[in-house]
Protein backbone atom coordinates (compact mmCIF):
# COMPACT_ATOMS: atom_id res chain seq x y z
CA MET A 1 -38.71 0.50 -12.01
CA THR A 2 -37.33 -2.62 -14.55
CA ARG A 3 -33.96 -1.76 -14.63
CA ARG A 4 -32.71 -2.26 -18.64
CA LEU A 5 -29.15 -4.62 -18.37
CA PRO A 6 -27.46 -6.21 -20.74
CA PRO A 7 -25.80 -10.04 -20.29
CA LEU A 8 -24.15 -10.27 -17.45
CA ASN A 9 -21.86 -13.16 -18.81
CA ALA A 10 -21.05 -10.57 -21.86
CA LEU A 11 -20.33 -7.90 -19.40
CA ARG A 12 -17.80 -10.25 -17.41
CA ALA A 13 -16.42 -11.54 -21.07
CA PHE A 14 -15.92 -7.61 -21.75
CA GLU A 15 -13.97 -6.37 -18.30
CA SER A 16 -11.87 -9.40 -18.30
CA ALA A 17 -11.19 -8.74 -22.52
CA ALA A 18 -10.10 -5.38 -21.40
CA ARG A 19 -8.13 -5.52 -18.28
CA LEU A 20 -6.39 -7.80 -19.98
CA GLY A 21 -5.99 -6.45 -23.55
CA SER A 22 -6.49 -9.34 -25.11
CA PHE A 23 -9.65 -12.15 -25.70
CA SER A 24 -6.91 -15.59 -25.33
CA ALA A 25 -6.20 -13.83 -21.91
CA ALA A 26 -9.65 -13.41 -20.99
CA ALA A 27 -10.71 -17.01 -21.83
CA GLU A 28 -7.84 -18.23 -19.69
CA ALA A 29 -8.70 -16.46 -16.84
CA LEU A 30 -12.45 -16.83 -17.32
CA HIS A 31 -12.01 -21.06 -18.10
CA VAL A 32 -13.81 -20.73 -21.38
CA THR A 33 -12.87 -20.92 -24.80
CA HIS A 34 -11.50 -17.95 -27.31
CA GLY A 35 -14.84 -18.06 -29.67
CA ALA A 36 -16.67 -17.94 -26.58
CA ILE A 37 -15.07 -14.89 -25.53
CA SER A 38 -15.39 -13.29 -28.85
CA ARG A 39 -18.80 -14.37 -29.37
CA GLN A 40 -20.01 -13.30 -25.97
CA ILE A 41 -18.52 -9.57 -26.52
CA GLN A 42 -20.12 -9.62 -30.29
CA GLN A 43 -23.51 -9.97 -28.49
CA LEU A 44 -22.59 -7.27 -26.29
CA GLU A 45 -21.61 -4.75 -28.81
CA GLU A 46 -24.98 -5.72 -30.55
CA TRP A 47 -26.83 -5.59 -27.60
CA LEU A 48 -25.83 -1.89 -27.09
CA GLY A 49 -25.71 -0.91 -31.02
CA VAL A 50 -22.11 0.61 -30.58
CA PRO A 51 -18.52 -1.44 -31.02
CA LEU A 52 -16.10 -1.27 -27.78
CA PHE A 53 -12.51 -2.93 -29.44
CA GLU A 54 -10.80 -2.01 -31.98
CA ARG A 55 -9.42 -5.17 -33.56
CA HIS A 56 -5.77 -6.07 -35.00
CA GLY A 57 -5.36 -8.97 -35.66
CA ARG A 58 -5.17 -11.32 -32.42
CA ARG A 59 -4.22 -7.87 -30.25
CA VAL A 60 -7.38 -5.95 -29.13
CA THR A 61 -7.52 -2.11 -27.91
CA LEU A 62 -11.10 -0.40 -26.27
CA ASN A 63 -12.04 2.19 -28.75
CA ASP A 64 -13.50 5.46 -27.19
CA ALA A 65 -16.93 3.74 -26.35
CA GLY A 66 -15.02 1.24 -24.89
CA GLN A 67 -12.83 3.51 -22.37
CA ALA A 68 -15.92 5.37 -21.38
CA TYR A 69 -17.68 1.54 -20.08
CA LEU A 70 -14.96 0.33 -18.59
CA PRO A 71 -15.03 1.96 -15.40
CA ALA A 72 -18.69 1.75 -14.70
CA VAL A 73 -18.69 -2.14 -15.53
CA GLN A 74 -15.67 -2.34 -13.14
CA ALA A 75 -17.23 -0.57 -10.56
CA ALA A 76 -20.88 -2.78 -10.63
CA PHE A 77 -18.19 -5.76 -10.47
CA ASP A 78 -16.27 -4.52 -7.56
CA GLY A 79 -19.39 -3.24 -5.68
CA ILE A 80 -21.07 -6.49 -6.12
CA ALA A 81 -17.51 -8.69 -4.98
CA GLY A 82 -17.54 -6.39 -1.67
CA ALA A 83 -20.92 -7.25 -1.17
CA THR A 84 -20.75 -10.72 -1.34
CA GLU A 85 -17.54 -10.99 0.23
CA GLN A 86 -19.31 -8.99 3.37
CA LEU A 87 -22.54 -11.35 3.48
CA THR A 88 -20.25 -14.42 2.93
CA VAL A 89 -17.50 -13.68 5.62
CA ARG A 90 -20.39 -13.09 8.43
CA ARG A 91 -21.69 -16.10 8.12
CA GLN A 92 -18.06 -18.11 8.04
CA GLY A 93 -16.97 -15.98 10.94
CA ARG A 94 -15.52 -12.40 10.15
CA ARG A 95 -12.07 -12.08 8.16
CA LEU A 96 -10.14 -8.65 7.96
CA ARG A 97 -7.55 -8.53 5.56
CA ILE A 98 -5.10 -6.13 5.44
CA ASN A 99 -2.08 -4.79 3.29
CA ALA A 100 0.38 -2.64 4.59
CA THR A 101 3.71 -1.19 3.61
CA PRO A 102 6.74 -3.33 5.16
CA THR A 103 8.72 -1.06 7.29
CA LEU A 104 5.72 0.00 8.61
CA ALA A 105 3.91 -3.52 9.14
CA MET A 106 7.57 -4.86 10.74
CA HIS A 107 8.09 -1.99 12.90
CA TRP A 108 4.46 -0.67 13.93
CA LEU A 109 2.09 -2.63 13.19
CA LEU A 110 2.74 -5.74 14.30
CA PRO A 111 3.70 -4.92 17.70
CA ARG A 112 0.29 -3.77 18.16
CA LEU A 113 -2.33 -5.99 16.30
CA THR A 114 -2.79 -7.49 19.80
CA ARG A 115 -4.63 -5.18 20.75
CA PHE A 116 -7.14 -5.30 18.53
CA GLN A 117 -7.61 -8.80 18.58
CA LEU A 118 -8.32 -8.26 22.61
CA ARG A 119 -10.61 -6.02 21.63
CA TYR A 120 -12.25 -8.03 18.69
CA PRO A 121 -11.62 -11.63 19.55
CA GLY A 122 -13.70 -13.48 16.69
CA VAL A 123 -11.71 -11.61 13.92
CA GLU A 124 -9.37 -13.70 11.86
CA LEU A 125 -6.24 -11.13 10.78
CA ARG A 126 -4.62 -11.63 7.66
CA LEU A 127 -1.33 -9.17 7.35
CA ALA A 128 0.08 -8.76 3.82
CA THR A 129 3.11 -6.53 2.79
CA SER A 130 3.35 -4.27 0.22
CA ASP A 131 3.85 -1.21 -1.67
CA ALA A 132 2.57 -1.39 -4.76
CA VAL A 133 0.25 1.11 -6.10
CA ILE A 134 -3.68 0.59 -5.82
CA ASN A 135 -5.98 0.00 -8.39
CA ASN A 136 -9.02 -2.01 -9.16
CA GLN A 137 -6.99 -5.15 -9.77
CA ASN A 138 -5.07 -5.93 -6.89
CA ALA A 139 -7.24 -4.88 -4.12
CA ASP A 140 -7.10 -7.83 -2.61
CA PHE A 141 -7.48 -6.38 0.96
CA ASP A 142 -10.28 -4.69 3.02
CA ILE A 143 -7.64 -1.75 4.08
CA ALA A 144 -5.12 -1.30 2.71
CA ILE A 145 -2.10 1.43 4.66
CA ARG A 146 0.21 3.59 2.28
CA ARG A 147 2.76 6.33 2.33
CA SER A 148 1.13 9.96 1.67
CA GLN A 149 -2.78 10.28 0.70
CA GLU A 150 -3.68 9.86 -2.69
CA HIS A 151 -6.77 10.20 -4.96
CA TRP A 152 -7.17 6.41 -5.80
CA ARG A 153 -10.46 5.42 -7.91
CA GLY A 154 -12.81 3.95 -6.63
CA PHE A 155 -11.15 4.08 -2.65
CA VAL A 156 -11.34 6.41 0.18
CA ALA A 157 -8.25 7.24 1.68
CA HIS A 158 -7.77 9.37 5.21
CA ALA A 159 -4.37 10.08 6.64
CA PHE A 160 -3.54 9.11 10.43
CA LEU A 161 0.22 9.07 10.97
CA ALA A 162 2.47 11.54 10.47
CA GLU A 163 6.12 10.63 10.56
CA ARG A 164 9.89 12.77 10.89
CA GLU A 165 13.06 11.44 9.95
CA LEU A 166 16.42 11.52 12.22
CA PRO A 167 19.50 9.79 12.49
CA VAL A 168 19.79 6.41 14.46
CA CYS A 169 22.52 3.83 15.47
CA SER A 170 23.08 1.09 17.42
CA PRO A 171 24.17 1.89 21.21
CA ALA A 172 27.69 0.04 19.85
CA LEU A 173 28.32 2.26 17.01
CA LEU A 174 27.43 5.74 18.27
CA LYS A 175 30.14 4.19 21.71
CA ARG A 176 32.91 3.81 19.24
CA LEU A 177 32.35 6.65 17.09
CA PRO A 178 30.14 9.38 18.72
CA ILE A 179 28.02 11.54 17.17
CA ALA A 180 27.78 15.16 18.87
CA SER A 181 26.55 17.24 15.61
CA ALA A 182 25.29 16.40 12.12
CA ALA A 183 29.37 17.04 10.55
CA ASP A 184 30.01 13.92 12.87
CA LEU A 185 27.98 11.97 10.22
CA ALA A 186 31.27 12.06 8.23
CA ARG A 187 33.11 9.85 10.04
CA HIS A 188 30.14 7.09 9.43
CA THR A 189 28.77 5.01 7.01
CA LEU A 190 25.32 5.86 6.35
CA LEU A 191 23.11 3.67 4.65
CA HIS A 192 20.29 4.14 1.72
CA SER A 193 17.18 2.71 0.61
CA GLU A 194 15.98 2.51 -2.77
CA THR A 195 12.47 3.26 -1.69
CA ARG A 196 13.95 6.59 0.29
CA PRO A 197 16.47 7.70 -3.00
CA VAL A 198 16.64 11.53 -1.62
CA ALA A 199 15.98 10.73 1.86
CA TRP A 200 19.18 11.53 3.33
CA GLU A 201 20.56 14.36 0.78
CA ARG A 202 17.32 15.98 2.14
CA TRP A 203 17.87 15.30 5.83
CA LEU A 204 21.80 16.58 5.44
CA ALA A 205 20.55 19.70 3.72
CA ALA A 206 17.90 20.63 6.43
CA ALA A 207 20.90 20.01 9.05
CA GLY A 208 22.97 22.42 7.11
CA VAL A 209 25.64 20.34 6.19
CA PRO A 210 24.24 19.50 2.77
CA THR A 211 27.71 18.44 0.70
CA LEU A 212 29.21 16.25 3.59
CA GLN A 213 30.75 13.42 2.79
CA PRO A 214 30.66 9.86 4.70
CA THR A 215 33.45 7.71 5.03
CA ALA A 216 31.22 5.25 3.11
CA THR A 217 28.01 4.09 1.90
CA GLN A 218 25.08 1.38 1.58
CA HIS A 219 22.53 0.50 -0.15
CA PHE A 220 19.44 -1.47 0.49
CA ASP A 221 16.35 -2.08 -1.87
CA HIS A 222 13.92 -2.22 0.81
CA TYR A 223 13.98 0.59 4.16
CA TYR A 224 13.08 -2.00 6.44
CA LEU A 225 16.71 -3.85 5.40
CA ALA A 226 18.53 0.16 5.90
CA LEU A 227 16.55 -0.09 9.69
CA GLN A 228 17.92 -3.62 10.22
CA ALA A 229 21.59 -3.09 9.19
CA ALA A 230 21.23 -0.10 11.69
CA ILE A 231 20.45 -2.26 14.33
CA ASP A 232 22.90 -4.40 13.53
CA GLY A 233 25.82 -1.55 13.95
CA LEU A 234 26.94 -1.69 10.23
CA GLY A 235 25.83 1.85 9.80
CA VAL A 236 23.54 5.07 10.64
CA THR A 237 20.50 5.84 9.34
CA LEU A 238 17.08 7.50 8.94
CA GLY A 239 14.62 6.74 11.49
CA PRO A 240 11.07 7.03 10.61
CA LEU A 241 9.47 8.51 14.09
CA PRO A 242 7.42 7.35 15.88
CA VAL A 243 7.27 3.95 13.32
CA ILE A 244 10.37 2.68 15.26
CA GLU A 245 9.42 4.37 19.03
CA ASP A 246 10.25 0.76 19.86
CA GLU A 247 13.21 -0.14 18.58
CA LEU A 248 14.37 3.29 20.60
CA ALA A 249 12.77 2.84 23.51
CA SER A 250 14.14 -1.01 24.17
CA GLY A 251 17.80 0.56 22.80
CA LYS A 252 18.46 -1.41 19.51
CA LEU A 253 18.53 2.16 18.43
CA VAL A 254 19.48 5.51 19.76
CA ALA A 255 19.23 8.85 17.88
CA PRO A 256 22.23 11.31 18.96
CA LEU A 257 20.69 14.33 17.66
CA THR A 258 17.90 15.82 18.67
CA GLY A 259 17.03 17.64 15.06
CA PRO A 260 16.66 18.19 12.99
CA GLU A 261 13.22 15.99 12.66
CA VAL A 262 12.38 16.10 9.45
CA ALA A 263 8.82 15.68 8.06
CA VAL A 264 8.21 13.19 5.07
CA LYS A 265 5.01 11.08 3.44
CA GLY A 266 3.29 10.39 6.36
CA TYR A 267 0.49 6.87 6.31
CA CYS A 268 -2.96 6.87 4.80
CA TRP A 269 -5.45 3.97 5.70
CA VAL A 270 -7.09 3.29 2.13
CA VAL A 271 -10.56 1.53 1.67
CA PRO A 272 -12.61 0.22 -1.29
CA GLN A 273 -15.66 2.30 -1.98
CA SER A 274 -17.24 -1.08 -1.48
CA LEU A 275 -16.84 -1.51 2.39
CA VAL A 276 -16.79 2.50 3.37
CA GLY A 277 -20.00 2.26 5.46
CA ASP A 278 -18.93 -1.81 7.10
CA GLU A 279 -18.90 -2.03 10.69
CA LEU A 280 -15.80 -3.99 11.36
CA VAL A 281 -13.44 -2.12 8.95
CA SER A 282 -14.54 1.18 10.38
CA ALA A 283 -13.57 -0.44 13.66
CA PHE A 284 -9.96 -1.28 12.55
CA CYS A 285 -10.13 2.22 11.00
CA ALA A 286 -10.50 4.25 14.33
CA TRP A 287 -8.35 1.80 16.24
CA LEU A 288 -5.51 2.86 14.07
CA GLU A 289 -6.12 6.36 14.12
CA GLU A 290 -6.26 5.83 18.11
CA GLU A 291 -3.00 3.98 18.30
CA ALA A 292 -1.53 6.90 16.00
CA ALA A 293 -2.55 9.57 18.15
CA GLY A 294 -0.78 7.59 20.69
CA SER A 295 2.26 7.87 19.05
CA GLU A 296 2.71 11.38 18.15
């Protein structure tokens, strides 16, 4: 059966212009002229027999038909790109691109990656850190790791690591200012992270001291900075278990209280739909679940 397909260059121009919201931006991204983009989109609209954009001077927006058409076009391009990546990488030597949240990457994933590399010595691992929202425009990864399990269009996600929070600090700080109960935290500086803004409020409520007033507070834009500040003795932070199990085992951090351990959003792996059947991607996801089972 012969497929009835519109001109592929015109489809590419449409996807770029729709995603960027501008013919000029699409022209720059595709290294062609504004006129070429305009002609290709006109050609596509004539071929389809329906307009896809509303023109407002030099600005363009998708009409209802364009909005309905765009997801299918993007999914098709994503599938072609994924298949091409798999084919070319097999010829060049396999590379696996991992994109993980900074705290998990630094405290849990990096210390374990050697075990994966020993199991798959021919694989080149490329690790990037980010906690950006996942979408088709920034999916420059084979596997991402994010907190919580959401529905990302065009991706498959699966939870693999649960997380609990418990106060932690340096041994030196604990020796100077002992913590025998949650109420003793009033004598300490509590370290906060902007990425987990209600963490202390949630934990103090669970511990039965919701109105506790600490000696001072310090705020950091990332969670891993609050953890490092705790290691350096600047105060007490909420440590994610089992993510910081190595720091606890080494004595860099101590957990003076046995509870409550407050359950929070865990972690999931996220894979583009086009890579779901990939053997190496599946192997890495299975390895994550194996490592997580050994941590919990």
